[in-house]
Amino acid sequence: MMIRTLLLSAVILLSAGAHALTPEEVKGMALGETETRVDALVKASAVPDEKTAAFIQAMADDAVKTAGDKVFVILDDKG
């Protein structure tokens, strides 16, 4: 629950910017130990953009899945 709150707080704090979310940032936020993932989240939030906010929201919605070193965002057909 604390991670979800942290992720939602990060989304709220994000503002538009000229930063592009990189595959390395995505992997950093989705894979590994909690502390490493939180560090990656903080770094990505420092220069946010819409894609970063969308990815963080997907994480909060439990729509981000991993398989090995691959990261997937599972989208539904509801909207």
N, C-alpha and C. Protein backbone atom coordinates (compact mmCIF):
# COMPACT_ATOMS: atom_id res chain seq x y z
N MET A 1 0.82 -1.19 0.00
CA MET A 1 0.00 0.00 0.00
C MET A 1 0.87 1.25 0.00
N MET A 2 2.00 1.21 0.71
CA MET A 2 2.88 2.37 0.76
C MET A 2 3.46 2.68 -0.62
N ILE A 3 3.83 1.63 -1.36
CA ILE A 3 4.38 1.84 -2.70
C ILE A 3 3.31 2.47 -3.59
N ARG A 4 2.08 1.98 -3.50
CA ARG A 4 0.98 2.54 -4.30
C ARG A 4 0.79 4.02 -3.98
N THR A 5 0.82 4.36 -2.70
CA THR A 5 0.68 5.75 -2.29
C THR A 5 1.83 6.59 -2.83
N LEU A 6 3.04 6.04 -2.76
CA LEU A 6 4.21 6.74 -3.29
C LEU A 6 4.07 6.97 -4.79
N LEU A 7 3.63 5.95 -5.50
CA LEU A 7 3.47 6.07 -6.95
C LEU A 7 2.40 7.10 -7.30
N LEU A 8 1.29 7.06 -6.60
CA LEU A 8 0.23 8.03 -6.87
C LEU A 8 0.68 9.44 -6.53
N SER A 9 1.44 9.59 -5.47
CA SER A 9 1.97 10.91 -5.12
C SER A 9 2.91 11.42 -6.20
N ALA A 10 3.72 10.52 -6.74
CA ALA A 10 4.65 10.91 -7.80
C ALA A 10 3.88 11.38 -9.03
N VAL A 11 2.80 10.70 -9.36
CA VAL A 11 1.99 11.10 -10.51
C VAL A 11 1.43 12.50 -10.30
N ILE A 12 0.97 12.77 -9.11
CA ILE A 12 0.40 14.09 -8.81
C ILE A 12 1.46 15.17 -8.94
N LEU A 13 2.68 14.86 -8.53
CA LEU A 13 3.75 15.85 -8.57
C LEU A 13 4.35 16.06 -9.95
N LEU A 14 4.05 15.16 -10.87
CA LEU A 14 4.63 15.27 -12.20
C LEU A 14 4.04 16.45 -12.96
N SER A 15 4.89 17.09 -13.72
CA SER A 15 4.42 18.17 -14.59
C SER A 15 5.00 17.93 -15.97
N ALA A 16 4.44 18.59 -16.97
CA ALA A 16 4.89 18.39 -18.35
C ALA A 16 6.33 18.85 -18.51
N GLY A 17 7.09 18.13 -19.31
CA GLY A 17 8.48 18.48 -19.57
C GLY A 17 8.91 17.92 -20.91
N ALA A 18 10.17 18.06 -21.23
CA ALA A 18 10.68 17.63 -22.52
C ALA A 18 11.48 16.34 -22.42
N HIS A 19 11.25 15.59 -21.40
CA HIS A 19 11.99 14.35 -21.14
C HIS A 19 11.29 13.17 -21.78
N ALA A 20 12.04 12.28 -22.38
CA ALA A 20 11.47 11.05 -22.95
C ALA A 20 11.83 9.89 -22.03
N LEU A 21 10.85 9.08 -21.71
CA LEU A 21 11.06 7.91 -20.86
C LEU A 21 11.86 6.88 -21.65
N THR A 22 12.99 6.46 -21.09
CA THR A 22 13.86 5.52 -21.79
C THR A 22 13.57 4.09 -21.34
N PRO A 23 13.95 3.11 -22.16
CA PRO A 23 13.78 1.71 -21.76
C PRO A 23 14.52 1.40 -20.45
N GLU A 24 15.66 2.01 -20.24
CA GLU A 24 16.42 1.78 -19.01
C GLU A 24 15.65 2.30 -17.80
N GLU A 25 14.98 3.45 -17.94
CA GLU A 25 14.18 3.99 -16.84
C GLU A 25 12.99 3.09 -16.55
N VAL A 26 12.35 2.59 -17.60
CA VAL A 26 11.22 1.68 -17.43
C VAL A 26 11.66 0.44 -16.67
N LYS A 27 12.76 -0.16 -17.10
CA LYS A 27 13.27 -1.35 -16.41
C LYS A 27 13.65 -1.03 -14.98
N GLY A 28 14.25 0.12 -14.77
CA GLY A 28 14.65 0.52 -13.42
C GLY A 28 13.47 0.65 -12.47
N MET A 29 12.35 1.15 -12.98
CA MET A 29 11.16 1.31 -12.15
C MET A 29 10.39 0.01 -11.95
N ALA A 30 10.53 -0.93 -12.89
CA ALA A 30 9.70 -2.14 -12.86
C ALA A 30 10.43 -3.38 -12.35
N LEU A 31 11.74 -3.41 -12.44
CA LEU A 31 12.49 -4.62 -12.09
C LEU A 31 13.40 -4.38 -10.89
N GLY A 32 13.67 -5.42 -10.14
CA GLY A 32 14.64 -5.33 -9.06
C GLY A 32 14.02 -5.13 -7.70
N GLU A 33 14.88 -4.81 -6.76
CA GLU A 33 14.47 -4.62 -5.38
C GLU A 33 13.72 -3.30 -5.21
N THR A 34 12.92 -3.22 -4.18
CA THR A 34 12.08 -2.05 -3.95
C THR A 34 12.88 -0.75 -3.88
N GLU A 35 13.97 -0.76 -3.14
CA GLU A 35 14.76 0.46 -2.98
C GLU A 35 15.32 0.94 -4.32
N THR A 36 15.78 0.02 -5.14
CA THR A 36 16.29 0.35 -6.46
C THR A 36 15.19 0.92 -7.34
N ARG A 37 14.01 0.32 -7.26
CA ARG A 37 12.88 0.78 -8.06
C ARG A 37 12.43 2.18 -7.63
N VAL A 38 12.41 2.42 -6.33
CA VAL A 38 12.02 3.75 -5.83
C VAL A 38 13.05 4.79 -6.28
N ASP A 39 14.33 4.45 -6.22
CA ASP A 39 15.37 5.38 -6.70
C ASP A 39 15.16 5.71 -8.18
N ALA A 40 14.84 4.70 -8.99
CA ALA A 40 14.60 4.93 -10.41
C ALA A 40 13.36 5.80 -10.61
N LEU A 41 12.35 5.59 -9.79
CA LEU A 41 11.13 6.39 -9.87
C LEU A 41 11.42 7.85 -9.54
N VAL A 42 12.20 8.08 -8.52
CA VAL A 42 12.57 9.45 -8.14
C VAL A 42 13.34 10.13 -9.27
N LYS A 43 14.29 9.41 -9.87
CA LYS A 43 15.07 9.98 -10.98
C LYS A 43 14.18 10.31 -12.17
N ALA A 44 13.27 9.40 -12.52
CA ALA A 44 12.38 9.63 -13.66
C ALA A 44 11.43 10.79 -13.38
N SER A 45 11.04 10.95 -12.13
CA SER A 45 10.12 12.02 -11.75
C SER A 45 10.78 13.39 -11.76
N ALA A 46 12.10 13.42 -11.72
CA ALA A 46 12.81 14.69 -11.69
C ALA A 46 12.60 15.50 -12.97
N VAL A 47 12.47 14.81 -14.09
CA VAL A 47 12.24 15.47 -15.38
C VAL A 47 11.09 14.71 -16.07
N PRO A 48 9.88 14.90 -15.59
CA PRO A 48 8.76 14.08 -16.05
C PRO A 48 8.18 14.52 -17.40
N ASP A 49 7.44 13.62 -18.00
CA ASP A 49 6.66 13.92 -19.19
C ASP A 49 5.38 13.09 -19.13
N GLU A 50 4.55 13.21 -20.14
CA GLU A 50 3.27 12.49 -20.13
C GLU A 50 3.47 10.98 -20.14
N LYS A 51 4.47 10.48 -20.85
CA LYS A 51 4.69 9.04 -20.90
C LYS A 51 5.17 8.51 -19.55
N THR A 52 5.98 9.30 -18.86
CA THR A 52 6.42 8.89 -17.53
C THR A 52 5.22 8.82 -16.59
N ALA A 53 4.37 9.84 -16.63
CA ALA A 53 3.17 9.85 -15.79
C ALA A 53 2.26 8.68 -16.12
N ALA A 54 2.11 8.38 -17.41
CA ALA A 54 1.25 7.26 -17.82
C ALA A 54 1.83 5.93 -17.33
N PHE A 55 3.15 5.78 -17.40
CA PHE A 55 3.77 4.54 -16.94
C PHE A 55 3.62 4.39 -15.43
N ILE A 56 3.82 5.47 -14.70
CA ILE A 56 3.67 5.41 -13.24
C ILE A 56 2.22 5.10 -12.88
N GLN A 57 1.28 5.67 -13.61
CA GLN A 57 -0.13 5.36 -13.36
C GLN A 57 -0.41 3.89 -13.65
N ALA A 58 0.18 3.36 -14.72
CA ALA A 58 0.01 1.94 -15.05
C ALA A 58 0.57 1.07 -13.93
N MET A 59 1.69 1.49 -13.34
CA MET A 59 2.24 0.75 -12.21
C MET A 59 1.28 0.78 -11.03
N ALA A 60 0.72 1.94 -10.76
CA ALA A 60 -0.23 2.08 -9.65
C ALA A 60 -1.48 1.25 -9.90
N ASP A 61 -1.87 1.10 -11.16
CA ASP A 61 -3.05 0.32 -11.52
C ASP A 61 -2.75 -1.18 -11.65
N ASP A 62 -1.52 -1.59 -11.35
CA ASP A 62 -1.08 -2.98 -11.47
C ASP A 62 -1.18 -3.49 -12.90
N ALA A 63 -0.95 -2.60 -13.86
CA ALA A 63 -1.01 -2.97 -15.27
C ALA A 63 0.38 -3.23 -15.85
N VAL A 64 1.42 -3.07 -15.04
CA VAL A 64 2.78 -3.32 -15.50
C VAL A 64 3.18 -4.72 -15.05
N LYS A 65 3.57 -5.53 -16.01
CA LYS A 65 3.97 -6.92 -15.75
C LYS A 65 5.38 -7.12 -16.28
N THR A 66 6.09 -8.06 -15.69
CA THR A 66 7.45 -8.36 -16.12
C THR A 66 7.60 -9.84 -16.41
N ALA A 67 8.51 -10.15 -17.31
CA ALA A 67 8.89 -11.52 -17.62
C ALA A 67 10.39 -11.49 -17.92
N GLY A 68 11.17 -12.01 -16.98
CA GLY A 68 12.62 -11.92 -17.13
C GLY A 68 13.03 -10.47 -17.06
N ASP A 69 13.72 -9.99 -18.10
CA ASP A 69 14.12 -8.59 -18.12
C ASP A 69 13.23 -7.75 -19.03
N LYS A 70 12.07 -8.27 -19.38
CA LYS A 70 11.10 -7.57 -20.23
C LYS A 70 10.02 -6.94 -19.35
N VAL A 71 9.54 -5.77 -19.79
CA VAL A 71 8.49 -5.05 -19.07
C VAL A 71 7.34 -4.82 -20.03
N PHE A 72 6.13 -5.14 -19.57
CA PHE A 72 4.93 -5.00 -20.40
C PHE A 72 3.89 -4.16 -19.66
N VAL A 73 3.17 -3.34 -20.41
CA VAL A 73 2.02 -2.64 -19.86
C VAL A 73 0.79 -3.29 -20.48
N ILE A 74 -0.05 -3.85 -19.64
CA ILE A 74 -1.24 -4.55 -20.10
C ILE A 74 -2.39 -3.55 -20.16
N LEU A 75 -2.91 -3.35 -21.35
CA LEU A 75 -4.02 -2.43 -21.55
C LEU A 75 -5.31 -3.21 -21.74
N ASP A 76 -6.39 -2.67 -21.21
CA ASP A 76 -7.68 -3.31 -21.45
C ASP A 76 -8.40 -2.59 -22.58
N ASP A 77 -9.54 -3.09 -22.96
CA ASP A 77 -10.28 -2.47 -24.06
C ASP A 77 -11.42 -1.59 -23.55
N LYS A 78 -11.33 -1.17 -22.29
CA LYS A 78 -12.40 -0.38 -21.68
C LYS A 78 -12.17 1.12 -21.78
N GLY A 79 -11.08 1.53 -22.33
CA GLY A 79 -10.94 2.97 -22.41
C GLY A 79 -9.60 3.43 -22.62
